[in-house]
Amino acid sequence: MTGTALRLATPGDAAAVAALLRENWPFLEPYEPERDESHFTTEGQAVLLTQALAEHAAGRAVPYVIEFEGELVGRLTLSGIVRGPFQSADVGYFVAEAVNGRGVATAAVAALAEVAFDPAGLGLHRLQAGTLLSNSASQAVLQRNGFERIGVARRYLRIAGRWQDHVLYQRVAPA
């Protein structure tokens, strides 16, 4: 979607990310792990962003923020990057309720896939993502971006205080 952009997160994004999470928590909470109060503070987000950037420096993650029309509206992270014969990573993202359903997440995942699969970029072979069984909106984002459903992982992640099943998706780099 025009107006959607990804950029590498910085510790300077902490206040905006914390505000975004506080504002959108009722919308995001059913899809997220339980969080303590520090998660919603500038200081807590600064710690998390600093850790994510250390993982980026080590080649294990790429933490992005999603901007729409110049405003920070979400996060998208490639995590668990594995090199060697696997060349794979996990994709996770969220967008603010105000832009949900407007193609922002779809555009952000599309931009991520371009960088992830580009030999001059990350040069990955495979991306994986999981969604709650009931999260049809996120499933549609992945499907619009060429991800294929590969199965259901039972009790995959502890979300909203309980172990929940997830639909797993993958996208493999073009041959």
C-alpha atoms as a PDB file:
ATOM      1  CA  MET A   1       0.000   0.000   0.000  1.00  0.00           C
ATOM      2  CA  THR A   2       1.340   3.412  -0.904  1.00  0.00           C
ATOM      3  CA  GLY A   3       2.375   5.275   2.213  1.00  0.00           C
ATOM      4  CA  THR A   4       3.571   2.129   4.027  1.00  0.00           C
ATOM      5  CA  ALA A   5       7.264   1.874   4.830  1.00  0.00           C
ATOM      6  CA  LEU A   6       9.578  -0.276   6.919  1.00  0.00           C
ATOM      7  CA  ARG A   7      12.648   1.014   8.656  1.00  0.00           C
ATOM      8  CA  LEU A   8      15.039  -0.454  11.167  1.00  0.00           C
ATOM      9  CA  ALA A   9      13.850   0.275  14.698  1.00  0.00           C
ATOM     10  CA  THR A  10      16.009   2.440  16.948  1.00  0.00           C
ATOM     11  CA  PRO A  11      16.034   2.986  20.726  1.00  0.00           C
ATOM     12  CA  GLY A  12      14.631   6.425  19.892  1.00  0.00           C
ATOM     13  CA  ASP A  13      11.377   4.711  18.847  1.00  0.00           C
ATOM     14  CA  ALA A  14      10.732   3.522  22.401  1.00  0.00           C
ATOM     15  CA  ALA A  15       8.293   6.273  23.401  1.00  0.00           C
ATOM     16  CA  ALA A  16       6.247   5.941  20.204  1.00  0.00           C
ATOM     17  CA  VAL A  17       6.136   2.133  20.424  1.00  0.00           C
ATOM     18  CA  ALA A  18       5.136   2.251  24.104  1.00  0.00           C
ATOM     19  CA  ALA A  19       2.345   4.747  23.338  1.00  0.00           C
ATOM     20  CA  LEU A  20       1.170   2.613  20.411  1.00  0.00           C
ATOM     21  CA  LEU A  21       1.024  -0.483  22.623  1.00  0.00           C
ATOM     22  CA  ARG A  22      -0.846   1.333  25.412  1.00  0.00           C
ATOM     23  CA  GLU A  23      -3.408   2.742  22.968  1.00  0.00           C
ATOM     24  CA  ASN A  24      -3.920  -0.542  21.149  1.00  0.00           C
ATOM     25  CA  TRP A  25      -3.660  -3.070  23.950  1.00  0.00           C
ATOM     26  CA  PRO A  26      -7.397  -3.908  24.049  1.00  0.00           C
ATOM     27  CA  PHE A  27      -7.153  -4.686  20.315  1.00  0.00           C
ATOM     28  CA  LEU A  28      -3.828  -6.587  20.515  1.00  0.00           C
ATOM     29  CA  GLU A  29      -4.198  -8.404  23.842  1.00  0.00           C
ATOM     30  CA  PRO A  30      -6.033 -11.518  22.528  1.00  0.00           C
ATOM     31  CA  TYR A  31      -3.086 -12.178  20.161  1.00  0.00           C
ATOM     32  CA  GLU A  32      -0.179 -11.418  22.488  1.00  0.00           C
ATOM     33  CA  PRO A  33       1.622 -13.049  25.406  1.00  0.00           C
ATOM     34  CA  GLU A  34       0.791 -11.669  28.825  1.00  0.00           C
ATOM     35  CA  ARG A  35       2.864  -8.549  29.494  1.00  0.00           C
ATOM     36  CA  ASP A  36       3.924  -6.833  32.692  1.00  0.00           C
ATOM     37  CA  GLU A  37       3.488  -3.092  33.101  1.00  0.00           C
ATOM     38  CA  SER A  38       7.079  -2.312  32.074  1.00  0.00           C
ATOM     39  CA  HIS A  39       6.244  -3.488  28.543  1.00  0.00           C
ATOM     40  CA  PHE A  40       4.082  -0.397  28.075  1.00  0.00           C
ATOM     41  CA  THR A  41       6.656   2.130  29.253  1.00  0.00           C
ATOM     42  CA  THR A  42       9.253   4.051  27.285  1.00  0.00           C
ATOM     43  CA  GLU A  43      11.969   2.556  29.461  1.00  0.00           C
ATOM     44  CA  GLY A  44      10.710  -0.991  28.954  1.00  0.00           C
ATOM     45  CA  GLN A  45      10.512  -0.554  25.198  1.00  0.00           C
ATOM     46  CA  ALA A  46      13.988   1.018  25.130  1.00  0.00           C
ATOM     47  CA  VAL A  47      15.360  -2.135  26.789  1.00  0.00           C
ATOM     48  CA  LEU A  48      13.512  -4.395  24.332  1.00  0.00           C
ATOM     49  CA  LEU A  49      14.579  -2.371  21.293  1.00  0.00           C
ATOM     50  CA  THR A  50      18.198  -2.338  22.489  1.00  0.00           C
ATOM     51  CA  GLN A  51      18.062  -6.134  22.889  1.00  0.00           C
ATOM     52  CA  ALA A  52      16.485  -6.518  19.450  1.00  0.00           C
ATOM     53  CA  LEU A  53      19.205  -4.359  17.902  1.00  0.00           C
ATOM     54  CA  ALA A  54      21.879  -6.466  19.622  1.00  0.00           C
ATOM     55  CA  GLU A  55      20.265  -9.536  18.008  1.00  0.00           C
ATOM     56  CA  HIS A  56      20.340  -7.635  14.706  1.00  0.00           C
ATOM     57  CA  ALA A  57      24.049  -6.865  15.115  1.00  0.00           C
ATOM     58  CA  ALA A  58      24.638 -10.590  15.736  1.00  0.00           C
ATOM     59  CA  GLY A  59      22.740 -11.466  12.544  1.00  0.00           C
ATOM     60  CA  ARG A  60      19.893 -13.235  14.363  1.00  0.00           C
ATOM     61  CA  ALA A  61      17.048 -10.716  13.918  1.00  0.00           C
ATOM     62  CA  VAL A  62      15.880  -7.635  12.047  1.00  0.00           C
ATOM     63  CA  PRO A  63      13.573  -5.401  14.087  1.00  0.00           C
ATOM     64  CA  TYR A  64      11.541  -3.005  11.964  1.00  0.00           C
ATOM     65  CA  VAL A  65       8.943  -0.400  12.701  1.00  0.00           C
ATOM     66  CA  ILE A  66       6.053   0.021  10.288  1.00  0.00           C
ATOM     67  CA  GLU A  67       5.193   3.558   9.247  1.00  0.00           C
ATOM     68  CA  PHE A  68       2.075   4.641   7.402  1.00  0.00           C
ATOM     69  CA  GLU A  69       1.965   8.134   5.947  1.00  0.00           C
ATOM     70  CA  GLY A  70       4.941   9.021   8.153  1.00  0.00           C
ATOM     71  CA  GLU A  71       3.406   7.804  11.413  1.00  0.00           C
ATOM     72  CA  LEU A  72       4.647   4.796  13.375  1.00  0.00           C
ATOM     73  CA  VAL A  73       1.759   2.291  13.296  1.00  0.00           C
ATOM     74  CA  GLY A  74       3.329  -1.075  14.094  1.00  0.00           C
ATOM     75  CA  ARG A  75       6.272  -3.418  14.396  1.00  0.00           C
ATOM     76  CA  LEU A  76       7.516  -6.218  12.183  1.00  0.00           C
ATOM     77  CA  THR A  77      10.373  -8.462  13.226  1.00  0.00           C
ATOM     78  CA  LEU A  78      12.360 -11.181  11.552  1.00  0.00           C
ATOM     79  CA  SER A  79      13.616 -13.333  14.411  1.00  0.00           C
ATOM     80  CA  GLY A  80      15.374 -16.617  14.846  1.00  0.00           C
ATOM     81  CA  ILE A  81      17.423 -16.141  11.699  1.00  0.00           C
ATOM     82  CA  VAL A  82      19.264 -19.383  11.025  1.00  0.00           C
ATOM     83  CA  ARG A  83      22.035 -19.496   8.440  1.00  0.00           C
ATOM     84  CA  GLY A  84      23.912 -22.460   7.008  1.00  0.00           C
ATOM     85  CA  PRO A  85      21.818 -24.916   5.022  1.00  0.00           C
ATOM     86  CA  PHE A  86      18.538 -23.646   6.558  1.00  0.00           C
ATOM     87  CA  GLN A  87      18.585 -19.897   5.670  1.00  0.00           C
ATOM     88  CA  SER A  88      15.286 -19.311   7.460  1.00  0.00           C
ATOM     89  CA  ALA A  89      13.583 -16.874   9.829  1.00  0.00           C
ATOM     90  CA  ASP A  90      10.326 -16.295  11.687  1.00  0.00           C
ATOM     91  CA  VAL A  91       8.073 -13.332  10.919  1.00  0.00           C
ATOM     92  CA  GLY A  92       6.039 -11.534  13.569  1.00  0.00           C
ATOM     93  CA  TYR A  93       4.109  -8.281  13.307  1.00  0.00           C
ATOM     94  CA  PHE A  94       1.317  -6.101  14.606  1.00  0.00           C
ATOM     95  CA  VAL A  95      -0.374  -2.940  13.384  1.00  0.00           C
ATOM     96  CA  ALA A  96      -2.512  -0.389  15.172  1.00  0.00           C
ATOM     97  CA  GLU A  97      -6.249  -0.903  15.149  1.00  0.00           C
ATOM     98  CA  ALA A  98      -6.688   2.394  13.270  1.00  0.00           C
ATOM     99  CA  VAL A  99      -4.894   0.996  10.199  1.00  0.00           C
ATOM    100  CA  ASN A 100      -6.050  -2.606  10.538  1.00  0.00           C
ATOM    101  CA  GLY A 101      -7.803  -3.781   7.385  1.00  0.00           C
ATOM    102  CA  ARG A 102      -6.264  -1.040   5.228  1.00  0.00           C
ATOM    103  CA  GLY A 103      -3.510  -3.110   3.618  1.00  0.00           C
ATOM    104  CA  VAL A 104      -0.724  -1.780   5.843  1.00  0.00           C
ATOM    105  CA  ALA A 105       0.317  -5.167   7.265  1.00  0.00           C
ATOM    106  CA  THR A 106       0.072  -6.731   3.803  1.00  0.00           C
ATOM    107  CA  ALA A 107       2.339  -4.047   2.340  1.00  0.00           C
ATOM    108  CA  ALA A 108       4.796  -4.322   5.228  1.00  0.00           C
ATOM    109  CA  VAL A 109       5.091  -8.117   4.894  1.00  0.00           C
ATOM    110  CA  ALA A 110       5.542  -7.729   1.123  1.00  0.00           C
ATOM    111  CA  ALA A 111       8.392  -5.246   1.671  1.00  0.00           C
ATOM    112  CA  LEU A 112       9.953  -7.568   4.227  1.00  0.00           C
ATOM    113  CA  ALA A 113       9.820 -10.544   1.839  1.00  0.00           C
ATOM    114  CA  GLU A 114      11.617  -8.529  -0.850  1.00  0.00           C
ATOM    115  CA  VAL A 115      14.507  -7.745   1.498  1.00  0.00           C
ATOM    116  CA  ALA A 116      14.520 -11.217   3.052  1.00  0.00           C
ATOM    117  CA  PHE A 117      14.768 -13.072  -0.260  1.00  0.00           C
ATOM    118  CA  ASP A 118      17.006 -10.622  -2.132  1.00  0.00           C
ATOM    119  CA  PRO A 119      20.504 -12.134  -2.504  1.00  0.00           C
ATOM    120  CA  ALA A 120      21.899  -8.613  -2.034  1.00  0.00           C
ATOM    121  CA  GLY A 121      19.718  -8.222   1.077  1.00  0.00           C
ATOM    122  CA  LEU A 122      19.350 -11.025   3.603  1.00  0.00           C
ATOM    123  CA  GLY A 123      19.448 -13.851   1.075  1.00  0.00           C
ATOM    124  CA  LEU A 124      17.084 -16.090   3.022  1.00  0.00           C
ATOM    125  CA  HIS A 125      15.469 -19.194   1.564  1.00  0.00           C
ATOM    126  CA  ARG A 126      12.412 -19.524   3.820  1.00  0.00           C
ATOM    127  CA  LEU A 127      10.148 -17.397   6.010  1.00  0.00           C
ATOM    128  CA  GLN A 128       7.781 -18.864   8.577  1.00  0.00           C
ATOM    129  CA  ALA A 129       4.893 -17.286  10.510  1.00  0.00           C
ATOM    130  CA  GLY A 130       2.248 -18.580  12.879  1.00  0.00           C
ATOM    131  CA  THR A 131      -1.193 -17.235  13.718  1.00  0.00           C
ATOM    132  CA  LEU A 132      -3.835 -18.189  16.218  1.00  0.00           C
ATOM    133  CA  LEU A 133      -6.443 -20.433  14.635  1.00  0.00           C
ATOM    134  CA  SER A 134      -9.008 -17.629  14.924  1.00  0.00           C
ATOM    135  CA  ASN A 135      -6.816 -14.855  13.489  1.00  0.00           C
ATOM    136  CA  SER A 136      -8.232 -14.834   9.973  1.00  0.00           C
ATOM    137  CA  ALA A 137      -7.021 -11.264   9.329  1.00  0.00           C
ATOM    138  CA  SER A 138      -3.372 -12.206   9.880  1.00  0.00           C
ATOM    139  CA  GLN A 139      -3.842 -15.393   7.886  1.00  0.00           C
ATOM    140  CA  ALA A 140      -5.154 -13.300   4.983  1.00  0.00           C
ATOM    141  CA  VAL A 141      -2.082 -11.018   5.188  1.00  0.00           C
ATOM    142  CA  LEU A 142       0.194 -14.026   4.883  1.00  0.00           C
ATOM    143  CA  GLN A 143      -1.790 -15.657   2.091  1.00  0.00           C
ATOM    144  CA  ARG A 144      -1.849 -12.401   0.082  1.00  0.00           C
ATOM    145  CA  ASN A 145       1.946 -12.464   0.354  1.00  0.00           C
ATOM    146  CA  GLY A 146       2.363 -15.961  -1.039  1.00  0.00           C
ATOM    147  CA  PHE A 147       2.674 -17.814   2.274  1.00  0.00           C
ATOM    148  CA  GLU A 148       1.227 -21.301   2.238  1.00  0.00           C
ATOM    149  CA  ARG A 149      -0.390 -23.055   5.155  1.00  0.00           C
ATOM    150  CA  ILE A 150       1.789 -25.960   6.284  1.00  0.00           C
ATOM    151  CA  GLY A 151      -0.125 -27.245   9.295  1.00  0.00           C
ATOM    152  CA  VAL A 152      -1.291 -26.679  12.835  1.00  0.00           C
ATOM    153  CA  ALA A 153       1.128 -26.642  15.749  1.00  0.00           C
ATOM    154  CA  ARG A 154      -0.664 -27.750  18.918  1.00  0.00           C
ATOM    155  CA  ARG A 155      -0.114 -25.640  22.021  1.00  0.00           C
ATOM    156  CA  TYR A 156       2.533 -23.689  20.070  1.00  0.00           C
ATOM    157  CA  LEU A 157       2.752 -20.415  22.023  1.00  0.00           C
ATOM    158  CA  ARG A 158       1.530 -19.098  25.352  1.00  0.00           C
ATOM    159  CA  ILE A 159      -0.827 -16.320  24.236  1.00  0.00           C
ATOM    160  CA  ALA A 160      -3.239 -14.405  26.493  1.00  0.00           C
ATOM    161  CA  GLY A 161      -2.183 -16.579  29.416  1.00  0.00           C
ATOM    162  CA  ARG A 162      -2.680 -20.024  27.906  1.00  0.00           C
ATOM    163  CA  TRP A 163      -0.968 -22.397  25.473  1.00  0.00           C
ATOM    164  CA  GLN A 164      -2.742 -22.048  22.149  1.00  0.00           C
ATOM    165  CA  ASP A 165      -2.713 -23.835  18.813  1.00  0.00           C
ATOM    166  CA  HIS A 166      -1.351 -21.924  15.803  1.00  0.00           C
ATOM    167  CA  VAL A 167      -1.659 -22.306  12.058  1.00  0.00           C
ATOM    168  CA  LEU A 168       1.849 -22.307  10.567  1.00  0.00           C
ATOM    169  CA  TYR A 169       2.644 -20.707   7.232  1.00  0.00           C
ATOM    170  CA  GLN A 170       5.781 -20.621   5.128  1.00  0.00           C
ATOM    171  CA  ARG A 171       7.012 -18.841   2.043  1.00  0.00           C
ATOM    172  CA  VAL A 172      10.013 -20.116   0.135  1.00  0.00           C
ATOM    173  CA  ALA A 173      12.209 -17.860  -1.983  1.00  0.00           C
ATOM    174  CA  PRO A 174      11.553 -17.937  -5.714  1.00  0.00           C
ATOM    175  CA  ALA A 175      13.689 -20.507  -7.517  1.00  0.00           C
END
